[in-house]
Amino acid sequence: MSFGLYAIGFVIMICGLIYGAHLMHIPAHWIAVGAVVLLGIGILSGVKATRQKDPAE
């Protein structure tokens, strides 16, 4: 559940950055590249932040 909340928050942030880049008249292909990179970073950091520790044996 916490990963879902983390992912939703990150997607909202990415949408805001995309809108800001659009207002700055940045070309669409660079906006798409930035969005894909940020999405990858968001997934990696979300998994890292919400991952459960493995039990010690």
C-alpha atoms as a PDB file:
ATOM      1  CA  MET A   1       0.000   0.000   0.000  1.00  0.00           C
ATOM      2  CA  SER A   2       2.779   2.461   0.847  1.00  0.00           C
ATOM      3  CA  PHE A   3       4.429   1.831  -2.533  1.00  0.00           C
ATOM      4  CA  GLY A   4       1.157   2.763  -4.238  1.00  0.00           C
ATOM      5  CA  LEU A   5       0.983   6.044  -2.324  1.00  0.00           C
ATOM      6  CA  TYR A   6       4.626   6.729  -3.103  1.00  0.00           C
ATOM      7  CA  ALA A   7       4.048   6.022  -6.798  1.00  0.00           C
ATOM      8  CA  ILE A   8       0.936   8.220  -6.962  1.00  0.00           C
ATOM      9  CA  GLY A   9       2.816  11.102  -5.359  1.00  0.00           C
ATOM     10  CA  PHE A  10       5.715  10.717  -7.749  1.00  0.00           C
ATOM     11  CA  VAL A  11       3.384  10.621 -10.773  1.00  0.00           C
ATOM     12  CA  ILE A  12       1.691  13.823  -9.577  1.00  0.00           C
ATOM     13  CA  MET A  13       5.105  15.462  -9.255  1.00  0.00           C
ATOM     14  CA  ILE A  14       6.107  14.319 -12.750  1.00  0.00           C
ATOM     15  CA  CYS A  15       2.846  15.716 -14.177  1.00  0.00           C
ATOM     16  CA  GLY A  16       3.592  19.080 -12.587  1.00  0.00           C
ATOM     17  CA  LEU A  17       7.098  19.109 -14.030  1.00  0.00           C
ATOM     18  CA  ILE A  18       5.756  18.166 -17.468  1.00  0.00           C
ATOM     19  CA  TYR A  19       3.261  21.027 -17.313  1.00  0.00           C
ATOM     20  CA  GLY A  20       5.983  23.460 -16.251  1.00  0.00           C
ATOM     21  CA  ALA A  21       8.253  22.295 -19.060  1.00  0.00           C
ATOM     22  CA  HIS A  22       5.390  22.730 -21.533  1.00  0.00           C
ATOM     23  CA  LEU A  23       4.855  26.300 -20.327  1.00  0.00           C
ATOM     24  CA  MET A  24       8.574  26.942 -20.857  1.00  0.00           C
ATOM     25  CA  HIS A  25       8.169  25.790 -24.490  1.00  0.00           C
ATOM     26  CA  ILE A  26      10.591  22.890 -24.152  1.00  0.00           C
ATOM     27  CA  PRO A  27      10.299  20.502 -27.131  1.00  0.00           C
ATOM     28  CA  ALA A  28       7.953  17.560 -26.550  1.00  0.00           C
ATOM     29  CA  HIS A  29      10.581  14.888 -27.209  1.00  0.00           C
ATOM     30  CA  TRP A  30      12.777  16.274 -24.388  1.00  0.00           C
ATOM     31  CA  ILE A  31       9.787  16.396 -22.074  1.00  0.00           C
ATOM     32  CA  ALA A  32       9.101  12.718 -22.849  1.00  0.00           C
ATOM     33  CA  VAL A  33      12.745  11.782 -22.198  1.00  0.00           C
ATOM     34  CA  GLY A  34      12.704  13.598 -18.871  1.00  0.00           C
ATOM     35  CA  ALA A  35       9.420  11.978 -17.863  1.00  0.00           C
ATOM     36  CA  VAL A  36      10.713   8.469 -18.622  1.00  0.00           C
ATOM     37  CA  VAL A  37      13.918   9.093 -16.672  1.00  0.00           C
ATOM     38  CA  LEU A  38      11.995  10.505 -13.695  1.00  0.00           C
ATOM     39  CA  LEU A  39       9.575   7.586 -13.800  1.00  0.00           C
ATOM     40  CA  GLY A  40      12.491   5.143 -13.618  1.00  0.00           C
ATOM     41  CA  ILE A  41      14.051   7.043 -10.732  1.00  0.00           C
ATOM     42  CA  GLY A  42      10.684   7.094  -8.969  1.00  0.00           C
ATOM     43  CA  ILE A  43      10.228   3.347  -9.277  1.00  0.00           C
ATOM     44  CA  LEU A  44      13.741   2.623  -8.039  1.00  0.00           C
ATOM     45  CA  SER A  45      13.494   4.972  -5.073  1.00  0.00           C
ATOM     46  CA  GLY A  46       9.962   3.791  -4.250  1.00  0.00           C
ATOM     47  CA  VAL A  47      11.036   0.168  -4.124  1.00  0.00           C
ATOM     48  CA  LYS A  48      14.053   1.093  -2.033  1.00  0.00           C
ATOM     49  CA  ALA A  49      11.987   3.158   0.410  1.00  0.00           C
ATOM     50  CA  THR A  50       9.137   0.647   0.858  1.00  0.00           C
ATOM     51  CA  ARG A  51      11.055  -2.637   0.655  1.00  0.00           C
ATOM     52  CA  GLN A  52      10.758  -4.957   3.645  1.00  0.00           C
ATOM     53  CA  LYS A  53      13.977  -6.213   5.161  1.00  0.00           C
ATOM     54  CA  ASP A  54      14.679  -9.912   4.705  1.00  0.00           C
ATOM     55  CA  PRO A  55      14.383 -11.876   7.955  1.00  0.00           C
ATOM     56  CA  ALA A  56      17.672 -13.029   9.441  1.00  0.00           C
ATOM     57  CA  GLU A  57      18.136 -16.774   9.563  1.00  0.00           C
END
